[in-house]
Amino acid sequence: MLRPGGVLAVCSPDWGGFLLAPPSDELAGAIAAYTSLQTRNGGDVCAGRKLPGLLSEAGCEDIQPLARYEIYESLELIGNYLALQLEGEGESTHASTLREWARCLYGMFAQAWVSCTGRKPTGD
């Protein structure tokens, strides 16, 4: 419930804009496997880009989207997290790829995030 004139703010990642370094076909395959896992589990890995439309469908006005990137400082943390999820699904090859990548000295994992605000009409 949002009263007239109230502001709604939402934020979600969007996996359509990863920046991964160093790139490799194996790493791309591991990320694709994780993306498929999220989708099978009912997630929408591209939800961020849909936020403005969702706010519009909900009747909001003055919709303001904003996109940014978050760079994970610890490749080991994100690599091991993703690897554990894939191992649970029997994807040991992709999990190994992520763990190996996570040991790169100059690697990068940057994820796009979309934030969006909208206002419920006052009804004037």
Foldseek 3Di string as FASTA:
>chain_A
DAAAFGKDKDKDWAQPDKDKPPDDPLLVVLVVLLCVVCVVVPHDNGVQVCVQVVCVVVQFPPKDKDKDKDKDPQLQVVLQVSLVVCVVVVNNSSSVVSNVSRPDPPIIIMIMMMMMMTGHHNPD
